[in-house]
Amino acid sequence: MADAPGGGEEGGGGGRHKKKRAKKGSTRIDMTPMVDLAFLLLTFFILTTTMYKPSTLQMTFPVPDEDPTDDKKTELSNAITLILTKKDQIFYYFGAFRPAGDPEGVPTELTRTDFSKVRGILVEKNQDVVVRLNKAAADYNLQKINQVQYDSLRRVIKGGEDNLKAIIKTDRDAKYRNMIDMVDEMDITGIGSYGVLDSLKVEEQVLLDAQKINL
């Protein structure tokens, strides 16, 4: 049987020009250098990072009276009570709280302020102490006294009887940040004796609720 013209040679040529498929090899990544680098960075950060130390507030509680029957009252004539509430607002009053109808004096009224003005109020009421603290700081900066003498002088000045006392109270709408900011104001304005309470008297809460309507 005769072959088709040129069939064998051309057919072979077509086979020779056929595109060959490239062989796909498996991809393998050596992770050893990356693991070494990760451990190296981890060791570096552990050795160079300062460990976090939680900050705490040191609070001193009054010592109970030896005689529980003693009707001695705490002197609050040189004290300010600050009540922190919502929207960064502060209500305050001076002296002991006197409810409506108290025969011993004028009933207490709350005055409203905020954190932009409260420092000026505290400095004005504690001006003599602030002046003495500034004088001690100036002497320390001029190296007239050393660090130990400066710290001792600050404690004496802030612990004096004529120093303004403060009571910080918060209601349910106050923020924790507000209380921390107010404690910072105590140190800035030279108030050495202060206490923090998370509850109000019933009469204080009534006055505060009446004021909060306008906030």
C-alpha atoms as a PDB file:
ATOM      1  CA  MET A   1       0.000   0.000   0.000  1.00  0.00           C
ATOM      2  CA  ALA A   2       1.427   3.404  -0.971  1.00  0.00           C
ATOM      3  CA  ASP A   3       2.172   5.987   1.620  1.00  0.00           C
ATOM      4  CA  ALA A   4       0.587   9.411   1.454  1.00  0.00           C
ATOM      5  CA  PRO A   5       2.898  11.931  -0.232  1.00  0.00           C
ATOM      6  CA  GLY A   6       5.328  13.356   2.255  1.00  0.00           C
ATOM      7  CA  GLY A   7       3.332  11.798   5.074  1.00  0.00           C
ATOM      8  CA  GLY A   8       6.184  10.156   6.898  1.00  0.00           C
ATOM      9  CA  GLU A   9       8.662  13.061   6.827  1.00  0.00           C
ATOM     10  CA  GLU A  10       6.203  15.858   7.568  1.00  0.00           C
ATOM     11  CA  GLY A  11       4.514  13.846  10.258  1.00  0.00           C
ATOM     12  CA  GLY A  12       7.850  13.329  11.875  1.00  0.00           C
ATOM     13  CA  GLY A  13       8.582  17.052  11.553  1.00  0.00           C
ATOM     14  CA  GLY A  14       5.341  17.877  13.302  1.00  0.00           C
ATOM     15  CA  GLY A  15       6.384  15.646  16.162  1.00  0.00           C
ATOM     16  CA  ARG A  16       9.741  17.329  16.442  1.00  0.00           C
ATOM     17  CA  HIS A  17       8.202  20.834  16.740  1.00  0.00           C
ATOM     18  CA  LYS A  18       5.665  19.847  19.405  1.00  0.00           C
ATOM     19  CA  LYS A  19       5.899  22.057  22.570  1.00  0.00           C
ATOM     20  CA  LYS A  20       7.207  20.208  25.563  1.00  0.00           C
ATOM     21  CA  ARG A  21       5.720  20.831  29.012  1.00  0.00           C
ATOM     22  CA  ALA A  22       8.097  22.013  31.721  1.00  0.00           C
ATOM     23  CA  LYS A  23       8.411  19.782  34.704  1.00  0.00           C
ATOM     24  CA  LYS A  24       7.147  21.358  37.899  1.00  0.00           C
ATOM     25  CA  GLY A  25       9.395  20.730  40.833  1.00  0.00           C
ATOM     26  CA  SER A  26       8.192  20.793  44.438  1.00  0.00           C
ATOM     27  CA  THR A  27       8.884  24.082  46.304  1.00  0.00           C
ATOM     28  CA  ARG A  28      10.631  23.746  49.642  1.00  0.00           C
ATOM     29  CA  ILE A  29      11.394  26.719  51.920  1.00  0.00           C
ATOM     30  CA  ASP A  30      13.999  26.298  54.607  1.00  0.00           C
ATOM     31  CA  MET A  31      12.464  27.854  57.741  1.00  0.00           C
ATOM     32  CA  THR A  32      15.515  27.331  59.929  1.00  0.00           C
ATOM     33  CA  PRO A  33      16.976  30.867  59.464  1.00  0.00           C
ATOM     34  CA  MET A  34      13.566  32.436  60.141  1.00  0.00           C
ATOM     35  CA  VAL A  35      13.165  30.469  63.383  1.00  0.00           C
ATOM     36  CA  ASP A  36      16.654  31.524  64.468  1.00  0.00           C
ATOM     37  CA  LEU A  37      15.822  35.158  63.712  1.00  0.00           C
ATOM     38  CA  ALA A  38      12.545  34.954  65.662  1.00  0.00           C
ATOM     39  CA  PHE A  39      14.304  33.588  68.753  1.00  0.00           C
ATOM     40  CA  LEU A  40      17.015  36.227  68.414  1.00  0.00           C
ATOM     41  CA  LEU A  41      14.454  39.063  68.300  1.00  0.00           C
ATOM     42  CA  LEU A  42      12.490  37.554  71.180  1.00  0.00           C
ATOM     43  CA  THR A  43      15.632  37.366  73.310  1.00  0.00           C
ATOM     44  CA  PHE A  44      16.528  40.958  72.395  1.00  0.00           C
ATOM     45  CA  PHE A  45      13.111  42.374  73.381  1.00  0.00           C
ATOM     46  CA  ILE A  46      13.025  40.413  76.641  1.00  0.00           C
ATOM     47  CA  LEU A  47      16.442  41.728  77.675  1.00  0.00           C
ATOM     48  CA  THR A  48      15.832  45.351  76.648  1.00  0.00           C
ATOM     49  CA  THR A  49      12.190  45.861  77.647  1.00  0.00           C
ATOM     50  CA  THR A  50      11.383  47.440  81.015  1.00  0.00           C
ATOM     51  CA  MET A  51       8.912  45.305  82.898  1.00  0.00           C
ATOM     52  CA  TYR A  52       5.635  47.050  83.727  1.00  0.00           C
ATOM     53  CA  LYS A  53       5.226  48.009  87.347  1.00  0.00           C
ATOM     54  CA  PRO A  54       1.609  48.612  88.393  1.00  0.00           C
ATOM     55  CA  SER A  55       1.110  52.020  89.994  1.00  0.00           C
ATOM     56  CA  THR A  56      -0.754  52.146  93.271  1.00  0.00           C
ATOM     57  CA  LEU A  57      -2.242  54.839  95.423  1.00  0.00           C
ATOM     58  CA  GLN A  58      -1.127  54.873  99.030  1.00  0.00           C
ATOM     59  CA  MET A  59      -4.073  55.625 101.273  1.00  0.00           C
ATOM     60  CA  THR A  60      -3.996  56.149 105.016  1.00  0.00           C
ATOM     61  CA  PHE A  61      -7.074  55.251 107.020  1.00  0.00           C
ATOM     62  CA  PRO A  62      -7.847  56.871 110.376  1.00  0.00           C
ATOM     63  CA  VAL A  63      -7.072  54.947 113.522  1.00  0.00           C
ATOM     64  CA  PRO A  64     -10.246  53.996 115.467  1.00  0.00           C
ATOM     65  CA  ASP A  65     -10.770  55.814 118.761  1.00  0.00           C
ATOM     66  CA  GLU A  66      -9.733  53.892 121.816  1.00  0.00           C
ATOM     67  CA  ASP A  67     -12.951  54.930 123.530  1.00  0.00           C
ATOM     68  CA  PRO A  68     -15.913  54.172 121.207  1.00  0.00           C
ATOM     69  CA  THR A  69     -18.253  56.117 123.495  1.00  0.00           C
ATOM     70  CA  ASP A  70     -16.318  59.330 122.924  1.00  0.00           C
ATOM     71  CA  ASP A  71     -18.520  61.775 121.008  1.00  0.00           C
ATOM     72  CA  LYS A  72     -15.563  63.675 119.604  1.00  0.00           C
ATOM     73  CA  LYS A  73     -16.233  65.110 116.108  1.00  0.00           C
ATOM     74  CA  THR A  74     -13.697  65.472 113.350  1.00  0.00           C
ATOM     75  CA  GLU A  75     -12.637  69.052 112.727  1.00  0.00           C
ATOM     76  CA  LEU A  76     -13.728  69.995 109.180  1.00  0.00           C
ATOM     77  CA  SER A  77     -13.550  73.775 109.348  1.00  0.00           C
ATOM     78  CA  ASN A  78     -10.451  73.738 107.135  1.00  0.00           C
ATOM     79  CA  ALA A  79     -11.643  71.057 104.728  1.00  0.00           C
ATOM     80  CA  ILE A  80     -13.146  70.904 101.256  1.00  0.00           C
ATOM     81  CA  THR A  81     -15.361  68.097  99.996  1.00  0.00           C
ATOM     82  CA  LEU A  82     -15.185  67.419  96.257  1.00  0.00           C
ATOM     83  CA  ILE A  83     -17.883  65.318  94.599  1.00  0.00           C
ATOM     84  CA  LEU A  84     -17.022  63.959  91.143  1.00  0.00           C
ATOM     85  CA  THR A  85     -19.843  63.147  88.738  1.00  0.00           C
ATOM     86  CA  LYS A  86     -20.661  62.790  85.030  1.00  0.00           C
ATOM     87  CA  LYS A  87     -19.303  64.944  82.178  1.00  0.00           C
ATOM     88  CA  ASP A  88     -16.127  65.676  84.186  1.00  0.00           C
ATOM     89  CA  GLN A  89     -18.074  67.960  86.515  1.00  0.00           C
ATOM     90  CA  ILE A  90     -17.198  68.631  90.151  1.00  0.00           C
ATOM     91  CA  PHE A  91     -19.410  69.873  92.981  1.00  0.00           C
ATOM     92  CA  TYR A  92     -17.823  71.039  96.210  1.00  0.00           C
ATOM     93  CA  TYR A  93     -18.458  72.635  99.579  1.00  0.00           C
ATOM     94  CA  PHE A  94     -16.316  73.791 102.496  1.00  0.00           C
ATOM     95  CA  GLY A  95     -16.528  72.714 106.105  1.00  0.00           C
ATOM     96  CA  ALA A  96     -18.860  70.123 107.596  1.00  0.00           C
ATOM     97  CA  PHE A  97     -21.991  69.136 105.724  1.00  0.00           C
ATOM     98  CA  ARG A  98     -25.163  70.621 107.213  1.00  0.00           C
ATOM     99  CA  PRO A  99     -28.479  69.252 105.981  1.00  0.00           C
ATOM    100  CA  ALA A 100     -31.601  71.365 105.590  1.00  0.00           C
ATOM    101  CA  GLY A 101     -33.108  72.272 108.939  1.00  0.00           C
ATOM    102  CA  ASP A 102     -29.830  71.922 110.844  1.00  0.00           C
ATOM    103  CA  PRO A 103     -30.118  74.265 113.870  1.00  0.00           C
ATOM    104  CA  GLU A 104     -26.322  74.618 114.173  1.00  0.00           C
ATOM    105  CA  GLY A 105     -25.767  76.567 110.973  1.00  0.00           C
ATOM    106  CA  VAL A 106     -26.694  77.422 107.393  1.00  0.00           C
ATOM    107  CA  PRO A 107     -27.582  74.375 105.250  1.00  0.00           C
ATOM    108  CA  THR A 108     -24.863  73.282 102.858  1.00  0.00           C
ATOM    109  CA  GLU A 109     -25.098  74.199  99.183  1.00  0.00           C
ATOM    110  CA  LEU A 110     -23.080  72.630  96.382  1.00  0.00           C
ATOM    111  CA  THR A 111     -20.975  74.773  94.051  1.00  0.00           C
ATOM    112  CA  ARG A 112     -20.271  73.534  90.547  1.00  0.00           C
ATOM    113  CA  THR A 113     -16.893  73.606  88.751  1.00  0.00           C
ATOM    114  CA  ASP A 114     -14.769  71.417  86.476  1.00  0.00           C
ATOM    115  CA  PHE A 115     -11.174  70.265  86.096  1.00  0.00           C
ATOM    116  CA  SER A 116     -10.142  73.411  84.245  1.00  0.00           C
ATOM    117  CA  LYS A 117     -10.944  75.569  87.313  1.00  0.00           C
ATOM    118  CA  VAL A 118     -10.629  73.311  90.340  1.00  0.00           C
ATOM    119  CA  ARG A 119      -6.863  73.841  90.657  1.00  0.00           C
ATOM    120  CA  GLY A 120      -7.327  77.599  91.013  1.00  0.00           C
ATOM    121  CA  ILE A 121      -9.924  77.037  93.748  1.00  0.00           C
ATOM    122  CA  LEU A 122      -7.635  74.718  95.699  1.00  0.00           C
ATOM    123  CA  VAL A 123      -4.602  77.004  95.325  1.00  0.00           C
ATOM    124  CA  GLU A 124      -6.609  80.014  96.500  1.00  0.00           C
ATOM    125  CA  LYS A 125      -7.756  78.202  99.655  1.00  0.00           C
ATOM    126  CA  ASN A 126      -4.283  76.748 100.269  1.00  0.00           C
ATOM    127  CA  GLN A 127      -2.211  79.716  99.142  1.00  0.00           C
ATOM    128  CA  ASP A 128       0.166  79.958 102.111  1.00  0.00           C
ATOM    129  CA  VAL A 129       1.168  76.314 101.788  1.00  0.00           C
ATOM    130  CA  VAL A 130       1.652  76.614  98.034  1.00  0.00           C
ATOM    131  CA  VAL A 131       3.946  79.627  98.531  1.00  0.00           C
ATOM    132  CA  ARG A 132       6.091  77.727 101.016  1.00  0.00           C
ATOM    133  CA  LEU A 133       6.257  74.669  98.738  1.00  0.00           C
ATOM    134  CA  ASN A 134       7.330  76.848  95.814  1.00  0.00           C
ATOM    135  CA  LYS A 135       9.986  78.456  98.001  1.00  0.00           C
ATOM    136  CA  ALA A 136      11.324  75.019  98.975  1.00  0.00           C
ATOM    137  CA  ALA A 137      11.370  73.954  95.301  1.00  0.00           C
ATOM    138  CA  ALA A 138      13.266  77.122  94.362  1.00  0.00           C
ATOM    139  CA  ASP A 139      15.863  76.499  97.093  1.00  0.00           C
ATOM    140  CA  TYR A 140      16.307  72.941  95.833  1.00  0.00           C
ATOM    141  CA  ASN A 141      16.732  74.092  92.225  1.00  0.00           C
ATOM    142  CA  LEU A 142      19.346  76.609  93.370  1.00  0.00           C
ATOM    143  CA  GLN A 143      21.075  73.779  95.309  1.00  0.00           C
ATOM    144  CA  LYS A 144      20.613  75.540  98.617  1.00  0.00           C
ATOM    145  CA  ILE A 145      19.192  72.297 100.010  1.00  0.00           C
ATOM    146  CA  ASN A 146      19.737  68.703  98.940  1.00  0.00           C
ATOM    147  CA  GLN A 147      17.160  66.085  97.936  1.00  0.00           C
ATOM    148  CA  VAL A 148      16.766  64.654 101.444  1.00  0.00           C
ATOM    149  CA  GLN A 149      16.214  68.090 102.974  1.00  0.00           C
ATOM    150  CA  TYR A 150      13.761  69.024 100.224  1.00  0.00           C
ATOM    151  CA  ASP A 151      11.677  65.873 100.670  1.00  0.00           C
ATOM    152  CA  SER A 152      11.653  66.324 104.449  1.00  0.00           C
ATOM    153  CA  LEU A 153      10.612  69.977 104.130  1.00  0.00           C
ATOM    154  CA  ARG A 154       7.775  69.080 101.755  1.00  0.00           C
ATOM    155  CA  ARG A 155       6.425  66.514 104.213  1.00  0.00           C
ATOM    156  CA  VAL A 156       6.498  69.019 107.067  1.00  0.00           C
ATOM    157  CA  ILE A 157       4.774  71.739 105.031  1.00  0.00           C
ATOM    158  CA  LYS A 158       2.078  69.435 103.614  1.00  0.00           C
ATOM    159  CA  GLY A 159       1.421  67.872 107.009  1.00  0.00           C
ATOM    160  CA  GLY A 160       0.865  71.149 108.882  1.00  0.00           C
ATOM    161  CA  GLU A 161      -2.362  71.824 110.731  1.00  0.00           C
ATOM    162  CA  ASP A 162      -3.068  74.930 108.673  1.00  0.00           C
ATOM    163  CA  ASN A 163      -2.930  72.929 105.440  1.00  0.00           C
ATOM    164  CA  LEU A 164      -6.207  72.518 103.578  1.00  0.00           C
ATOM    165  CA  LYS A 165      -7.771  69.066 103.986  1.00  0.00           C
ATOM    166  CA  ALA A 166      -9.761  67.400 101.205  1.00  0.00           C
ATOM    167  CA  ILE A 167     -12.374  64.667 100.909  1.00  0.00           C
ATOM    168  CA  ILE A 168     -12.859  63.256  97.398  1.00  0.00           C
ATOM    169  CA  LYS A 169     -16.168  61.532  96.738  1.00  0.00           C
ATOM    170  CA  THR A 170     -17.526  59.918  93.580  1.00  0.00           C
ATOM    171  CA  ASP A 171     -21.042  59.080  92.535  1.00  0.00           C
ATOM    172  CA  ARG A 172     -22.147  56.283  90.195  1.00  0.00           C
ATOM    173  CA  ASP A 173     -21.629  58.428  87.077  1.00  0.00           C
ATOM    174  CA  ALA A 174     -18.045  59.456  87.808  1.00  0.00           C
ATOM    175  CA  LYS A 175     -15.135  58.036  85.821  1.00  0.00           C
ATOM    176  CA  TYR A 176     -12.151  56.334  87.387  1.00  0.00           C
ATOM    177  CA  ARG A 177      -9.903  58.682  85.402  1.00  0.00           C
ATOM    178  CA  ASN A 178     -11.508  61.680  87.140  1.00  0.00           C
ATOM    179  CA  MET A 179     -10.571  60.320  90.539  1.00  0.00           C
ATOM    180  CA  ILE A 180      -6.955  59.770  89.457  1.00  0.00           C
ATOM    181  CA  ASP A 181      -6.802  63.313  88.034  1.00  0.00           C
ATOM    182  CA  MET A 182      -8.160  64.724  91.282  1.00  0.00           C
ATOM    183  CA  VAL A 183      -5.552  62.865  93.330  1.00  0.00           C
ATOM    184  CA  ASP A 184      -2.898  64.420  91.080  1.00  0.00           C
ATOM    185  CA  GLU A 185      -4.378  67.839  91.846  1.00  0.00           C
ATOM    186  CA  MET A 186      -3.903  67.137  95.551  1.00  0.00           C
ATOM    187  CA  ASP A 187      -0.147  66.846  95.061  1.00  0.00           C
ATOM    188  CA  ILE A 188       0.073  69.829  92.712  1.00  0.00           C
ATOM    189  CA  THR A 189      -1.805  72.127  95.095  1.00  0.00           C
ATOM    190  CA  GLY A 190       0.100  70.995  98.189  1.00  0.00           C
ATOM    191  CA  ILE A 191      -2.765  69.205  99.958  1.00  0.00           C
ATOM    192  CA  GLY A 192      -1.140  66.544 102.090  1.00  0.00           C
ATOM    193  CA  SER A 193      -4.198  65.179 103.906  1.00  0.00           C
ATOM    194  CA  TYR A 194      -7.019  63.828 101.787  1.00  0.00           C
ATOM    195  CA  GLY A 195      -9.297  60.814 101.592  1.00  0.00           C
ATOM    196  CA  VAL A 196     -11.196  59.069  98.808  1.00  0.00           C
ATOM    197  CA  LEU A 197     -14.721  57.708  99.270  1.00  0.00           C
ATOM    198  CA  ASP A 198     -16.957  55.943  96.760  1.00  0.00           C
ATOM    199  CA  SER A 199     -20.216  56.730  98.541  1.00  0.00           C
ATOM    200  CA  LEU A 200     -22.183  59.839  99.454  1.00  0.00           C
ATOM    201  CA  LYS A 201     -24.417  60.706 102.347  1.00  0.00           C
ATOM    202  CA  VAL A 202     -28.119  60.518 101.599  1.00  0.00           C
ATOM    203  CA  GLU A 203     -28.435  64.289 101.952  1.00  0.00           C
ATOM    204  CA  GLU A 204     -25.425  64.864  99.674  1.00  0.00           C
ATOM    205  CA  GLN A 205     -26.912  62.589  97.030  1.00  0.00           C
ATOM    206  CA  VAL A 206     -30.209  64.496  97.138  1.00  0.00           C
ATOM    207  CA  LEU A 207     -28.442  67.824  96.574  1.00  0.00           C
ATOM    208  CA  LEU A 208     -26.274  66.327  93.825  1.00  0.00           C
ATOM    209  CA  ASP A 209     -29.216  64.792  91.961  1.00  0.00           C
ATOM    210  CA  ALA A 210     -30.958  68.176  91.984  1.00  0.00           C
ATOM    211  CA  GLN A 211     -27.869  69.813  90.454  1.00  0.00           C
ATOM    212  CA  LYS A 212     -27.308  67.055  87.861  1.00  0.00           C
ATOM    213  CA  ILE A 213     -30.658  67.824  86.211  1.00  0.00           C
ATOM    214  CA  ASN A 214     -29.034  70.901  84.666  1.00  0.00           C
ATOM    215  CA  LEU A 215     -25.998  69.023  83.305  1.00  0.00           C
END
